Amino acid sequence: MFYSIPIVGSANCGPANLFANERIEGYLKVSDKLLPRNKQHLYVLVASGSSMNLAEVHEGLTIENGDFVVINSSYKKPKNGDIVVAVIDSMATIKRYKEDKNHNRVILEAESTENYLPIFLHEEDNFIISGKVIDVIKKPE
């Protein structure tokens, strides 16, 4: 059996500068066996950029430019160390989520072969967590 996951656009793997438009651009057909049991909260973004090219999602898979990134939108309260999609001022970015309780802030960090500055956010800033990255489907070669 196959499952169709909506592709809702792109997310930047760099500075947050791609608009999060949440309109369906197509569907990615994926084998049922490759997905978690609960599929109703899944969507796909296409990674744009290289800021997460060292971030291991699982089994050695990293997020590279053009890859399909599978997101579970039911994860709205991430744990320290999760890879998330954050929407900051209507711009989507994929980063590693870190809590800095000493300074009452959240840090979104890149994991890359290139040097990217972290994004520092206060709880009251205009941002939301759109979900947690649960898988990467590599772009066809």
C-alpha atoms as a PDB file:
ATOM      1  CA  MET A   1       0.000   0.000   0.000  1.00  0.00           C
ATOM      2  CA  PHE A   2       1.046   3.560  -0.650  1.00  0.00           C
ATOM      3  CA  TYR A   3       0.280   6.750   1.198  1.00  0.00           C
ATOM      4  CA  SER A   4       0.215  10.224  -0.374  1.00  0.00           C
ATOM      5  CA  ILE A   5       1.795  12.910   1.795  1.00  0.00           C
ATOM      6  CA  PRO A   6       1.100  16.535   0.827  1.00  0.00           C
ATOM      7  CA  ILE A   7       4.081  18.650  -0.220  1.00  0.00           C
ATOM      8  CA  VAL A   8       3.340  22.098   1.184  1.00  0.00           C
ATOM      9  CA  GLY A   9       6.344  24.010  -0.110  1.00  0.00           C
ATOM     10  CA  SER A  10       9.941  24.593   0.851  1.00  0.00           C
ATOM     11  CA  ALA A  11      11.721  25.381   4.081  1.00  0.00           C
ATOM     12  CA  ASN A  12      15.019  27.113   4.243  1.00  0.00           C
ATOM     13  CA  CYS A  13      18.001  25.291   5.628  1.00  0.00           C
ATOM     14  CA  GLY A  14      19.821  28.566   6.224  1.00  0.00           C
ATOM     15  CA  PRO A  15      18.453  31.917   7.377  1.00  0.00           C
ATOM     16  CA  ALA A  16      14.661  31.963   7.665  1.00  0.00           C
ATOM     17  CA  ASN A  17      13.850  33.655   4.361  1.00  0.00           C
ATOM     18  CA  LEU A  18      11.328  31.411   2.554  1.00  0.00           C
ATOM     19  CA  PHE A  19       7.684  32.258   3.124  1.00  0.00           C
ATOM     20  CA  ALA A  20       5.653  29.551   4.820  1.00  0.00           C
ATOM     21  CA  ASN A  21       2.654  29.448   2.523  1.00  0.00           C
ATOM     22  CA  GLU A  22       1.105  26.062   3.444  1.00  0.00           C
ATOM     23  CA  ARG A  23      -0.493  25.467   0.067  1.00  0.00           C
ATOM     24  CA  ILE A  24      -0.307  21.995  -1.345  1.00  0.00           C
ATOM     25  CA  GLU A  25       2.077  21.818  -4.307  1.00  0.00           C
ATOM     26  CA  GLY A  26       1.685  18.098  -4.915  1.00  0.00           C
ATOM     27  CA  TYR A  27       1.814  14.743  -3.181  1.00  0.00           C
ATOM     28  CA  LEU A  28       4.693  12.395  -2.460  1.00  0.00           C
ATOM     29  CA  LYS A  29       3.719   8.730  -2.726  1.00  0.00           C
ATOM     30  CA  VAL A  30       5.501   6.682  -0.078  1.00  0.00           C
ATOM     31  CA  SER A  31       5.259   3.030   0.869  1.00  0.00           C
ATOM     32  CA  ASP A  32       3.078   2.519   3.925  1.00  0.00           C
ATOM     33  CA  LYS A  33       5.870   0.453   5.480  1.00  0.00           C
ATOM     34  CA  LEU A  34       8.268   3.427   5.468  1.00  0.00           C
ATOM     35  CA  LEU A  35       6.001   5.664   7.542  1.00  0.00           C
ATOM     36  CA  PRO A  36       4.857   5.701  11.163  1.00  0.00           C
ATOM     37  CA  ARG A  37       1.542   4.091  12.036  1.00  0.00           C
ATOM     38  CA  ASN A  38      -0.250   7.429  12.532  1.00  0.00           C
ATOM     39  CA  LYS A  39      -0.006   9.266   9.193  1.00  0.00           C
ATOM     40  CA  GLN A  40      -2.710  11.912   9.555  1.00  0.00           C
ATOM     41  CA  HIS A  41      -0.353  14.671  10.800  1.00  0.00           C
ATOM     42  CA  LEU A  42       2.370  14.247   8.172  1.00  0.00           C
ATOM     43  CA  TYR A  43       3.424  16.726   5.513  1.00  0.00           C
ATOM     44  CA  VAL A  44       6.508  17.193   3.349  1.00  0.00           C
ATOM     45  CA  LEU A  45       8.749  20.184   2.753  1.00  0.00           C
ATOM     46  CA  VAL A  46      11.521  20.406   0.188  1.00  0.00           C
ATOM     47  CA  ALA A  47      14.794  21.413   1.853  1.00  0.00           C
ATOM     48  CA  SER A  48      16.387  24.526   0.404  1.00  0.00           C
ATOM     49  CA  GLY A  49      19.989  25.192   1.385  1.00  0.00           C
ATOM     50  CA  SER A  50      22.794  23.458   3.247  1.00  0.00           C
ATOM     51  CA  SER A  51      22.546  24.522   6.893  1.00  0.00           C
ATOM     52  CA  MET A  52      21.410  21.058   8.037  1.00  0.00           C
ATOM     53  CA  ASN A  53      23.661  18.884   5.857  1.00  0.00           C
ATOM     54  CA  LEU A  54      25.334  17.377   8.955  1.00  0.00           C
ATOM     55  CA  ALA A  55      22.124  16.972  10.993  1.00  0.00           C
ATOM     56  CA  GLU A  56      21.439  13.264  11.281  1.00  0.00           C
ATOM     57  CA  VAL A  57      17.714  12.560  11.300  1.00  0.00           C
ATOM     58  CA  HIS A  58      18.148   8.792  11.649  1.00  0.00           C
ATOM     59  CA  GLU A  59      20.311   5.958  10.319  1.00  0.00           C
ATOM     60  CA  GLY A  60      22.869   8.387   8.881  1.00  0.00           C
ATOM     61  CA  LEU A  61      20.343  10.366   6.826  1.00  0.00           C
ATOM     62  CA  THR A  62      21.051  14.089   6.753  1.00  0.00           C
ATOM     63  CA  ILE A  63      19.069  16.953   5.269  1.00  0.00           C
ATOM     64  CA  GLU A  64      20.544  18.237   2.015  1.00  0.00           C
ATOM     65  CA  ASN A  65      19.354  20.732  -0.567  1.00  0.00           C
ATOM     66  CA  GLY A  66      16.436  19.315  -2.559  1.00  0.00           C
ATOM     67  CA  ASP A  67      15.635  16.463  -0.151  1.00  0.00           C
ATOM     68  CA  PHE A  68      12.060  15.709   0.878  1.00  0.00           C
ATOM     69  CA  VAL A  69      11.734  16.318   4.619  1.00  0.00           C
ATOM     70  CA  VAL A  70       8.846  14.536   6.352  1.00  0.00           C
ATOM     71  CA  ILE A  71       7.311  16.531   9.202  1.00  0.00           C
ATOM     72  CA  ASN A  72       4.891  15.456  11.921  1.00  0.00           C
ATOM     73  CA  SER A  73       2.758  18.509  12.640  1.00  0.00           C
ATOM     74  CA  SER A  74       1.377  17.093  15.898  1.00  0.00           C
ATOM     75  CA  TYR A  75       4.685  17.916  17.634  1.00  0.00           C
ATOM     76  CA  LYS A  76       4.114  21.523  18.705  1.00  0.00           C
ATOM     77  CA  LYS A  77       6.230  21.385  21.880  1.00  0.00           C
ATOM     78  CA  PRO A  78       9.624  20.044  20.854  1.00  0.00           C
ATOM     79  CA  LYS A  79      12.193  18.550  23.168  1.00  0.00           C
ATOM     80  CA  ASN A  80      15.712  19.822  23.486  1.00  0.00           C
ATOM     81  CA  GLY A  81      17.687  18.503  20.501  1.00  0.00           C
ATOM     82  CA  ASP A  82      14.745  17.857  18.152  1.00  0.00           C
ATOM     83  CA  ILE A  83      15.017  18.957  14.531  1.00  0.00           C
ATOM     84  CA  VAL A  84      12.025  21.205  13.893  1.00  0.00           C
ATOM     85  CA  VAL A  85      10.356  23.423  11.357  1.00  0.00           C
ATOM     86  CA  ALA A  86      10.083  26.883  12.870  1.00  0.00           C
ATOM     87  CA  VAL A  87       8.039  29.660  11.309  1.00  0.00           C
ATOM     88  CA  ILE A  88       9.495  33.044  12.204  1.00  0.00           C
ATOM     89  CA  ASP A  89       7.686  36.152  10.923  1.00  0.00           C
ATOM     90  CA  SER A  90       5.965  33.958   8.281  1.00  0.00           C
ATOM     91  CA  MET A  91       9.298  32.450   7.139  1.00  0.00           C
ATOM     92  CA  ALA A  92       9.982  28.703   7.500  1.00  0.00           C
ATOM     93  CA  THR A  93      13.334  27.248   8.525  1.00  0.00           C
ATOM     94  CA  ILE A  94      14.558  23.788   9.554  1.00  0.00           C
ATOM     95  CA  LYS A  95      16.913  23.789  12.549  1.00  0.00           C
ATOM     96  CA  ARG A  96      17.978  21.931  15.706  1.00  0.00           C
ATOM     97  CA  TYR A  97      15.899  23.131  18.674  1.00  0.00           C
ATOM     98  CA  LYS A  98      17.781  24.004  21.876  1.00  0.00           C
ATOM     99  CA  GLU A  99      16.359  25.399  25.096  1.00  0.00           C
ATOM    100  CA  ASP A 100      18.521  27.916  26.929  1.00  0.00           C
ATOM    101  CA  LYS A 101      16.740  28.155  30.283  1.00  0.00           C
ATOM    102  CA  ASN A 102      19.545  30.244  31.819  1.00  0.00           C
ATOM    103  CA  HIS A 103      18.708  33.089  29.431  1.00  0.00           C
ATOM    104  CA  ASN A 104      14.987  32.338  28.917  1.00  0.00           C
ATOM    105  CA  ARG A 105      15.330  31.763  25.176  1.00  0.00           C
ATOM    106  CA  VAL A 106      15.267  29.197  22.407  1.00  0.00           C
ATOM    107  CA  ILE A 107      18.208  28.710  20.080  1.00  0.00           C
ATOM    108  CA  LEU A 108      17.731  27.300  16.593  1.00  0.00           C
ATOM    109  CA  GLU A 109      21.043  25.905  15.412  1.00  0.00           C
ATOM    110  CA  ALA A 110      22.369  24.805  12.056  1.00  0.00           C
ATOM    111  CA  GLU A 111      24.458  21.661  11.684  1.00  0.00           C
ATOM    112  CA  SER A 112      26.455  22.195   8.534  1.00  0.00           C
ATOM    113  CA  THR A 113      29.747  21.976   6.719  1.00  0.00           C
ATOM    114  CA  GLU A 114      29.345  25.746   6.313  1.00  0.00           C
ATOM    115  CA  ASN A 115      29.232  28.410   9.012  1.00  0.00           C
ATOM    116  CA  TYR A 116      25.681  29.543   9.854  1.00  0.00           C
ATOM    117  CA  LEU A 117      24.805  31.781  12.768  1.00  0.00           C
ATOM    118  CA  PRO A 118      22.246  30.491  15.273  1.00  0.00           C
ATOM    119  CA  ILE A 119      18.818  32.085  15.582  1.00  0.00           C
ATOM    120  CA  PHE A 120      17.989  33.336  19.096  1.00  0.00           C
ATOM    121  CA  LEU A 121      14.321  33.571  20.056  1.00  0.00           C
ATOM    122  CA  HIS A 122      12.498  34.645  23.172  1.00  0.00           C
ATOM    123  CA  GLU A 123       9.306  32.799  24.133  1.00  0.00           C
ATOM    124  CA  GLU A 124       7.297  35.945  23.375  1.00  0.00           C
ATOM    125  CA  ASP A 125       8.731  36.424  19.871  1.00  0.00           C
ATOM    126  CA  ASN A 126       6.541  35.904  16.835  1.00  0.00           C
ATOM    127  CA  PHE A 127       7.404  32.277  16.012  1.00  0.00           C
ATOM    128  CA  ILE A 128       5.713  28.896  16.040  1.00  0.00           C
ATOM    129  CA  ILE A 129       6.946  25.348  15.811  1.00  0.00           C
ATOM    130  CA  SER A 130       5.189  23.810  12.824  1.00  0.00           C
ATOM    131  CA  GLY A 131       6.333  20.275  13.591  1.00  0.00           C
ATOM    132  CA  LYS A 132       9.192  17.857  14.122  1.00  0.00           C
ATOM    133  CA  VAL A 133      11.311  16.341  11.363  1.00  0.00           C
ATOM    134  CA  ILE A 134      10.773  12.574  11.474  1.00  0.00           C
ATOM    135  CA  ASP A 135      12.331  11.426   8.203  1.00  0.00           C
ATOM    136  CA  VAL A 136      14.246  12.442   5.092  1.00  0.00           C
ATOM    137  CA  ILE A 137      13.608  11.027   1.663  1.00  0.00           C
ATOM    138  CA  LYS A 138      16.670  11.700  -0.423  1.00  0.00           C
ATOM    139  CA  LYS A 139      16.187  13.495  -3.720  1.00  0.00           C
ATOM    140  CA  PRO A 140      16.661  11.259  -6.741  1.00  0.00           C
ATOM    141  CA  GLU A 141      20.185  11.342  -8.125  1.00  0.00           C
END
